[in-house]
Amino acid sequence: MSQALSRLLGLALSGWAVTAAAECLLYERDVTLTGVVNYRAKSAAILELESPVCVRSGRQNDLEINVPRDNIRLIQLVLLPSIVGPVPDSKIAVTGTLFAADAEQHRTRVLLYVKAINRAYESR
């Protein structure tokens, strides 16, 4: 492979990497996700996303806490007492703040503090 072609390929790949990272969701920012909710371990509400996502930190100094994650398909929902939990096997849109798992009781690598649930979607 010629040097010019190698440089061009390298430039294209670096551009793709920047674009891919720019499309990731950010920890500690509000997001709205859609998927089907199921329950595990009797109390953990898990959202199975319609398509996988990646999650990154918006800050450089907290990479030990908010670990970059790729191909996330399952997100544990953290429900405040004031929010009624979604019906199992229902398709929902949920809005909240993403954070990384940091305790043994967390069932997924990424969790969502739920602020609102839109139950307008139909059951599967």
N, C-alpha and C. Protein backbone atom coordinates (compact mmCIF):
# COMPACT_ATOMS: atom_id res chain seq x y z
N MET A 1 0.85 -1.17 0.00
CA MET A 1 0.00 0.00 0.00
C MET A 1 0.90 1.24 0.00
N SER A 2 0.57 2.19 -0.83
CA SER A 2 1.40 3.39 -0.93
C SER A 2 1.24 4.24 0.33
N GLN A 3 2.24 5.10 0.57
CA GLN A 3 2.19 5.98 1.73
C GLN A 3 1.00 6.94 1.65
N ALA A 4 0.73 7.46 0.47
CA ALA A 4 -0.39 8.39 0.31
C ALA A 4 -1.71 7.70 0.65
N LEU A 5 -1.88 6.47 0.19
CA LEU A 5 -3.11 5.73 0.47
C LEU A 5 -3.20 5.40 1.95
N SER A 6 -2.08 5.06 2.57
CA SER A 6 -2.06 4.78 4.01
C SER A 6 -2.46 6.01 4.81
N ARG A 7 -1.94 7.17 4.44
CA ARG A 7 -2.28 8.42 5.13
C ARG A 7 -3.76 8.74 4.96
N LEU A 8 -4.25 8.55 3.74
CA LEU A 8 -5.66 8.83 3.47
C LEU A 8 -6.56 7.90 4.30
N LEU A 9 -6.21 6.63 4.36
CA LEU A 9 -6.97 5.68 5.15
C LEU A 9 -6.90 6.05 6.63
N GLY A 10 -5.73 6.42 7.11
CA GLY A 10 -5.58 6.83 8.50
C GLY A 10 -6.41 8.06 8.82
N LEU A 11 -6.42 9.02 7.93
CA LEU A 11 -7.21 10.23 8.12
C LEU A 11 -8.70 9.90 8.14
N ALA A 12 -9.14 9.03 7.25
CA ALA A 12 -10.55 8.64 7.20
C ALA A 12 -10.96 7.92 8.47
N LEU A 13 -10.12 7.01 8.95
CA LEU A 13 -10.43 6.29 10.18
C LEU A 13 -10.44 7.19 11.39
N SER A 14 -9.52 8.16 11.47
CA SER A 14 -9.52 9.08 12.61
C SER A 14 -10.76 9.96 12.58
N GLY A 15 -11.20 10.35 11.40
CA GLY A 15 -12.43 11.12 11.28
C GLY A 15 -13.63 10.33 11.71
N TRP A 16 -13.65 9.02 11.37
CA TRP A 16 -14.74 8.16 11.78
C TRP A 16 -14.77 8.01 13.29
N ALA A 17 -13.61 7.86 13.92
CA ALA A 17 -13.54 7.69 15.37
C ALA A 17 -14.08 8.93 16.08
N VAL A 18 -13.74 10.11 15.59
CA VAL A 18 -14.25 11.34 16.20
C VAL A 18 -15.76 11.42 16.03
N THR A 19 -16.26 11.09 14.85
CA THR A 19 -17.70 11.12 14.60
C THR A 19 -18.41 10.12 15.49
N ALA A 20 -17.87 8.91 15.61
CA ALA A 20 -18.51 7.89 16.44
C ALA A 20 -18.56 8.34 17.89
N ALA A 21 -17.50 8.93 18.40
CA ALA A 21 -17.48 9.40 19.78
C ALA A 21 -18.46 10.54 19.98
N ALA A 22 -18.62 11.39 18.98
CA ALA A 22 -19.53 12.52 19.09
C ALA A 22 -20.98 12.05 19.18
N GLU A 23 -21.29 10.86 18.67
CA GLU A 23 -22.65 10.34 18.70
C GLU A 23 -22.97 9.59 19.97
N CYS A 24 -22.02 9.42 20.87
CA CYS A 24 -22.26 8.72 22.13
C CYS A 24 -23.08 9.60 23.07
N LEU A 25 -23.82 8.94 23.96
CA LEU A 25 -24.53 9.65 25.01
C LEU A 25 -23.52 10.05 26.08
N LEU A 26 -23.87 11.05 26.87
CA LEU A 26 -22.97 11.51 27.92
C LEU A 26 -23.53 11.22 29.30
N TYR A 27 -22.65 10.78 30.20
CA TYR A 27 -23.01 10.64 31.60
C TYR A 27 -23.38 12.01 32.16
N GLU A 28 -24.22 11.99 33.18
CA GLU A 28 -24.60 13.18 33.93
C GLU A 28 -25.28 14.23 33.06
N ARG A 29 -25.92 13.80 31.99
CA ARG A 29 -26.73 14.66 31.13
C ARG A 29 -28.09 14.01 30.94
N ASP A 30 -29.12 14.82 30.79
CA ASP A 30 -30.45 14.27 30.54
C ASP A 30 -30.52 13.66 29.15
N VAL A 31 -31.12 12.48 29.07
CA VAL A 31 -31.34 11.79 27.81
C VAL A 31 -32.74 11.19 27.83
N THR A 32 -33.27 10.91 26.66
CA THR A 32 -34.51 10.16 26.54
C THR A 32 -34.21 8.91 25.73
N LEU A 33 -34.57 7.77 26.31
CA LEU A 33 -34.30 6.48 25.68
C LEU A 33 -35.61 5.71 25.53
N THR A 34 -35.68 4.88 24.51
CA THR A 34 -36.86 4.04 24.32
C THR A 34 -36.46 2.58 24.32
N GLY A 35 -37.38 1.76 24.79
CA GLY A 35 -37.13 0.34 24.82
C GLY A 35 -38.22 -0.38 25.58
N VAL A 36 -37.97 -1.63 25.86
CA VAL A 36 -38.92 -2.48 26.57
C VAL A 36 -38.38 -2.71 27.98
N VAL A 37 -39.24 -2.56 28.97
CA VAL A 37 -38.81 -2.71 30.35
C VAL A 37 -39.14 -4.11 30.85
N ASN A 38 -38.19 -4.69 31.57
CA ASN A 38 -38.36 -5.98 32.23
C ASN A 38 -37.82 -5.85 33.64
N TYR A 39 -38.17 -6.78 34.49
CA TYR A 39 -37.71 -6.75 35.88
C TYR A 39 -36.82 -7.95 36.14
N ARG A 40 -35.73 -7.70 36.84
CA ARG A 40 -34.80 -8.76 37.24
C ARG A 40 -34.60 -8.67 38.74
N ALA A 41 -34.33 -9.78 39.33
CA ALA A 41 -34.09 -9.84 40.78
C ALA A 41 -35.24 -9.18 41.54
N LYS A 42 -36.45 -9.35 41.04
CA LYS A 42 -37.70 -8.89 41.65
C LYS A 42 -37.87 -7.38 41.70
N SER A 43 -36.79 -6.62 41.80
CA SER A 43 -36.99 -5.19 42.00
C SER A 43 -36.25 -4.30 41.00
N ALA A 44 -35.34 -4.85 40.25
CA ALA A 44 -34.55 -4.02 39.33
C ALA A 44 -35.26 -3.90 37.98
N ALA A 45 -35.68 -2.69 37.64
CA ALA A 45 -36.29 -2.44 36.33
C ALA A 45 -35.17 -2.23 35.32
N ILE A 46 -35.18 -3.03 34.27
CA ILE A 46 -34.14 -2.98 33.25
C ILE A 46 -34.77 -2.58 31.92
N LEU A 47 -34.23 -1.54 31.30
CA LEU A 47 -34.70 -1.11 29.99
C LEU A 47 -33.83 -1.76 28.93
N GLU A 48 -34.47 -2.53 28.04
CA GLU A 48 -33.77 -3.12 26.90
C GLU A 48 -33.95 -2.16 25.74
N LEU A 49 -32.85 -1.53 25.34
CA LEU A 49 -32.90 -0.49 24.32
C LEU A 49 -33.23 -1.04 22.94
N GLU A 50 -33.85 -0.19 22.13
CA GLU A 50 -34.18 -0.58 20.77
C GLU A 50 -32.92 -0.81 19.94
N SER A 51 -31.89 -0.04 20.21
CA SER A 51 -30.60 -0.23 19.54
C SER A 51 -29.50 0.12 20.53
N PRO A 52 -28.33 -0.51 20.41
CA PRO A 52 -27.25 -0.28 21.38
C PRO A 52 -26.72 1.16 21.29
N VAL A 53 -26.19 1.62 22.42
CA VAL A 53 -25.61 2.96 22.50
C VAL A 53 -24.22 2.89 23.12
N CYS A 54 -23.47 3.96 22.96
CA CYS A 54 -22.22 4.11 23.69
C CYS A 54 -22.39 5.29 24.63
N VAL A 55 -21.64 5.28 25.72
CA VAL A 55 -21.74 6.33 26.73
C VAL A 55 -20.34 6.79 27.10
N ARG A 56 -20.19 8.09 27.17
CA ARG A 56 -18.89 8.70 27.49
C ARG A 56 -19.08 9.78 28.56
N SER A 57 -17.99 10.14 29.18
CA SER A 57 -17.99 11.25 30.13
C SER A 57 -17.80 12.56 29.38
N GLY A 58 -18.45 13.58 29.85
CA GLY A 58 -18.28 14.90 29.25
C GLY A 58 -17.08 15.63 29.84
N ARG A 59 -16.48 15.05 30.88
CA ARG A 59 -15.33 15.66 31.55
C ARG A 59 -14.14 14.72 31.51
N GLN A 60 -12.97 15.26 31.39
CA GLN A 60 -11.75 14.45 31.31
C GLN A 60 -11.32 13.88 32.66
N ASN A 61 -11.68 14.53 33.76
CA ASN A 61 -11.13 14.14 35.06
C ASN A 61 -11.96 13.10 35.81
N ASP A 62 -13.03 12.56 35.23
CA ASP A 62 -13.81 11.57 35.97
C ASP A 62 -13.91 10.23 35.24
N LEU A 63 -12.90 9.89 34.46
CA LEU A 63 -12.92 8.65 33.70
C LEU A 63 -12.86 7.41 34.58
N GLU A 64 -12.38 7.54 35.81
CA GLU A 64 -12.37 6.40 36.72
C GLU A 64 -13.77 6.10 37.23
N ILE A 65 -14.60 7.12 37.35
CA ILE A 65 -15.97 6.95 37.83
C ILE A 65 -16.90 6.63 36.66
N ASN A 66 -16.91 7.51 35.68
CA ASN A 66 -17.78 7.36 34.52
C ASN A 66 -17.01 6.72 33.37
N VAL A 67 -16.88 5.42 33.46
CA VAL A 67 -16.08 4.64 32.52
C VAL A 67 -16.74 4.64 31.14
N PRO A 68 -15.98 4.90 30.08
CA PRO A 68 -16.55 4.82 28.74
C PRO A 68 -17.08 3.41 28.46
N ARG A 69 -18.27 3.33 27.90
CA ARG A 69 -18.89 2.03 27.61
C ARG A 69 -19.42 2.01 26.19
N ASP A 70 -19.27 0.88 25.53
CA ASP A 70 -19.77 0.68 24.17
C ASP A 70 -20.78 -0.46 24.15
N ASN A 71 -21.63 -0.45 23.13
CA ASN A 71 -22.58 -1.52 22.89
C ASN A 71 -23.49 -1.79 24.08
N ILE A 72 -23.98 -0.74 24.70
CA ILE A 72 -24.89 -0.86 25.84
C ILE A 72 -26.29 -1.14 25.32
N ARG A 73 -26.85 -2.25 25.75
CA ARG A 73 -28.21 -2.64 25.34
C ARG A 73 -29.17 -2.66 26.53
N LEU A 74 -28.64 -2.81 27.73
CA LEU A 74 -29.46 -2.88 28.93
C LEU A 74 -29.07 -1.76 29.89
N ILE A 75 -30.07 -1.07 30.42
CA ILE A 75 -29.84 0.02 31.37
C ILE A 75 -30.80 -0.16 32.53
N GLN A 76 -30.24 -0.21 33.74
CA GLN A 76 -31.07 -0.31 34.93
C GLN A 76 -31.71 1.05 35.21
N LEU A 77 -33.01 1.04 35.50
CA LEU A 77 -33.73 2.26 35.81
C LEU A 77 -33.76 2.45 37.32
N VAL A 78 -33.36 3.62 37.78
CA VAL A 78 -33.42 3.96 39.19
C VAL A 78 -34.64 4.87 39.36
N LEU A 79 -35.67 4.31 40.01
CA LEU A 79 -36.94 5.02 40.14
C LEU A 79 -37.06 5.69 41.50
N LEU A 80 -37.39 6.95 41.49
CA LEU A 80 -37.68 7.65 42.74
C LEU A 80 -39.03 7.16 43.27
N PRO A 81 -39.27 7.24 44.58
CA PRO A 81 -40.55 6.78 45.13
C PRO A 81 -41.76 7.48 44.52
N SER A 82 -41.58 8.68 44.04
CA SER A 82 -42.70 9.43 43.46
C SER A 82 -43.05 8.98 42.04
N ILE A 83 -42.23 8.12 41.43
CA ILE A 83 -42.46 7.66 40.06
C ILE A 83 -42.97 6.22 40.10
N VAL A 84 -44.12 6.01 39.48
CA VAL A 84 -44.69 4.67 39.41
C VAL A 84 -43.89 3.86 38.38
N GLY A 85 -43.48 2.68 38.76
CA GLY A 85 -42.70 1.84 37.87
C GLY A 85 -43.48 1.41 36.65
N PRO A 86 -42.80 1.22 35.55
CA PRO A 86 -43.46 0.81 34.32
C PRO A 86 -43.95 -0.64 34.39
N VAL A 87 -44.95 -0.95 33.59
CA VAL A 87 -45.49 -2.30 33.50
C VAL A 87 -44.47 -3.19 32.80
N PRO A 88 -44.22 -4.40 33.33
CA PRO A 88 -43.28 -5.31 32.66
C PRO A 88 -43.68 -5.58 31.22
N ASP A 89 -42.68 -5.75 30.38
CA ASP A 89 -42.85 -6.03 28.95
C ASP A 89 -43.53 -4.91 28.18
N SER A 90 -43.54 -3.70 28.74
CA SER A 90 -44.12 -2.58 28.01
C SER A 90 -43.02 -1.75 27.35
N LYS A 91 -43.37 -1.18 26.21
CA LYS A 91 -42.44 -0.31 25.50
C LYS A 91 -42.66 1.11 26.01
N ILE A 92 -41.57 1.74 26.46
CA ILE A 92 -41.68 3.07 27.05
C ILE A 92 -40.59 3.99 26.51
N ALA A 93 -40.78 5.27 26.73
CA ALA A 93 -39.73 6.26 26.55
C ALA A 93 -39.46 6.79 27.95
N VAL A 94 -38.22 6.84 28.33
CA VAL A 94 -37.87 7.27 29.67
C VAL A 94 -36.81 8.37 29.59
N THR A 95 -36.99 9.40 30.42
CA THR A 95 -36.05 10.52 30.46
C THR A 95 -35.38 10.55 31.82
N GLY A 96 -34.07 10.78 31.81
CA GLY A 96 -33.34 10.84 33.06
C GLY A 96 -31.87 11.10 32.82
N THR A 97 -31.08 10.88 33.87
CA THR A 97 -29.65 11.17 33.85
C THR A 97 -28.87 9.86 33.95
N LEU A 98 -27.94 9.66 33.03
CA LEU A 98 -27.11 8.45 33.02
C LEU A 98 -25.99 8.52 34.04
N PHE A 99 -25.68 7.39 34.66
CA PHE A 99 -24.50 7.29 35.51
C PHE A 99 -23.96 5.87 35.45
N ALA A 100 -22.70 5.72 35.79
CA ALA A 100 -22.03 4.42 35.70
C ALA A 100 -22.29 3.60 36.96
N ALA A 101 -22.34 2.29 36.78
CA ALA A 101 -22.50 1.37 37.91
C ALA A 101 -21.31 1.51 38.84
N ASP A 102 -21.59 1.57 40.13
CA ASP A 102 -20.49 1.69 41.10
C ASP A 102 -20.75 0.89 42.37
N ALA A 103 -21.78 0.06 42.35
CA ALA A 103 -22.10 -0.73 43.54
C ALA A 103 -22.50 -2.14 43.12
N GLU A 104 -22.35 -3.05 44.03
CA GLU A 104 -22.64 -4.46 43.75
C GLU A 104 -24.10 -4.69 43.38
N GLN A 105 -25.01 -3.89 43.94
CA GLN A 105 -26.43 -4.11 43.66
C GLN A 105 -26.85 -3.60 42.29
N HIS A 106 -25.98 -2.89 41.59
CA HIS A 106 -26.30 -2.45 40.23
C HIS A 106 -26.27 -3.65 39.30
N ARG A 107 -27.30 -3.77 38.47
CA ARG A 107 -27.46 -4.93 37.60
C ARG A 107 -26.91 -4.73 36.20
N THR A 108 -26.62 -3.48 35.82
CA THR A 108 -26.09 -3.18 34.49
C THR A 108 -24.90 -2.24 34.62
N ARG A 109 -24.13 -2.08 33.55
CA ARG A 109 -22.94 -1.23 33.59
C ARG A 109 -23.27 0.24 33.58
N VAL A 110 -24.45 0.59 33.04
CA VAL A 110 -24.91 1.97 32.99
C VAL A 110 -26.33 2.01 33.55
N LEU A 111 -26.61 3.05 34.35
CA LEU A 111 -27.93 3.20 34.97
C LEU A 111 -28.51 4.55 34.60
N LEU A 112 -29.83 4.70 34.84
CA LEU A 112 -30.50 5.95 34.54
C LEU A 112 -31.36 6.36 35.72
N TYR A 113 -31.06 7.56 36.31
CA TYR A 113 -31.95 8.15 37.30
C TYR A 113 -33.16 8.65 36.55
N VAL A 114 -34.31 8.05 36.77
CA VAL A 114 -35.50 8.36 35.99
C VAL A 114 -36.16 9.64 36.50
N LYS A 115 -36.42 10.56 35.56
CA LYS A 115 -37.14 11.79 35.87
C LYS A 115 -38.57 11.75 35.36
N ALA A 116 -38.78 11.04 34.25
CA ALA A 116 -40.13 10.93 33.67
C ALA A 116 -40.22 9.68 32.82
N ILE A 117 -41.42 9.09 32.79
CA ILE A 117 -41.70 7.94 31.95
C ILE A 117 -42.88 8.28 31.06
N ASN A 118 -42.72 8.05 29.77
CA ASN A 118 -43.80 8.25 28.82
C ASN A 118 -44.34 6.87 28.49
N ARG A 119 -45.56 6.62 28.95
CA ARG A 119 -46.19 5.31 28.73
C ARG A 119 -47.04 5.30 27.47
N ALA A 120 -46.87 6.26 26.60
CA ALA A 120 -47.71 6.37 25.40
C ALA A 120 -47.45 5.25 24.41
N TYR A 121 -46.34 4.57 24.54
CA TYR A 121 -46.03 3.47 23.62
C TYR A 121 -46.92 2.27 23.96
N GLU A 122 -47.19 1.47 22.99
CA GLU A 122 -48.02 0.28 23.18
C GLU A 122 -47.18 -0.86 23.73
N SER A 123 -47.84 -1.84 24.33
CA SER A 123 -47.15 -3.05 24.76
C SER A 123 -46.63 -3.80 23.55
N ARG A 124 -45.62 -4.61 23.75
CA ARG A 124 -45.01 -5.37 22.65
C ARG A 124 -46.02 -6.13 21.87
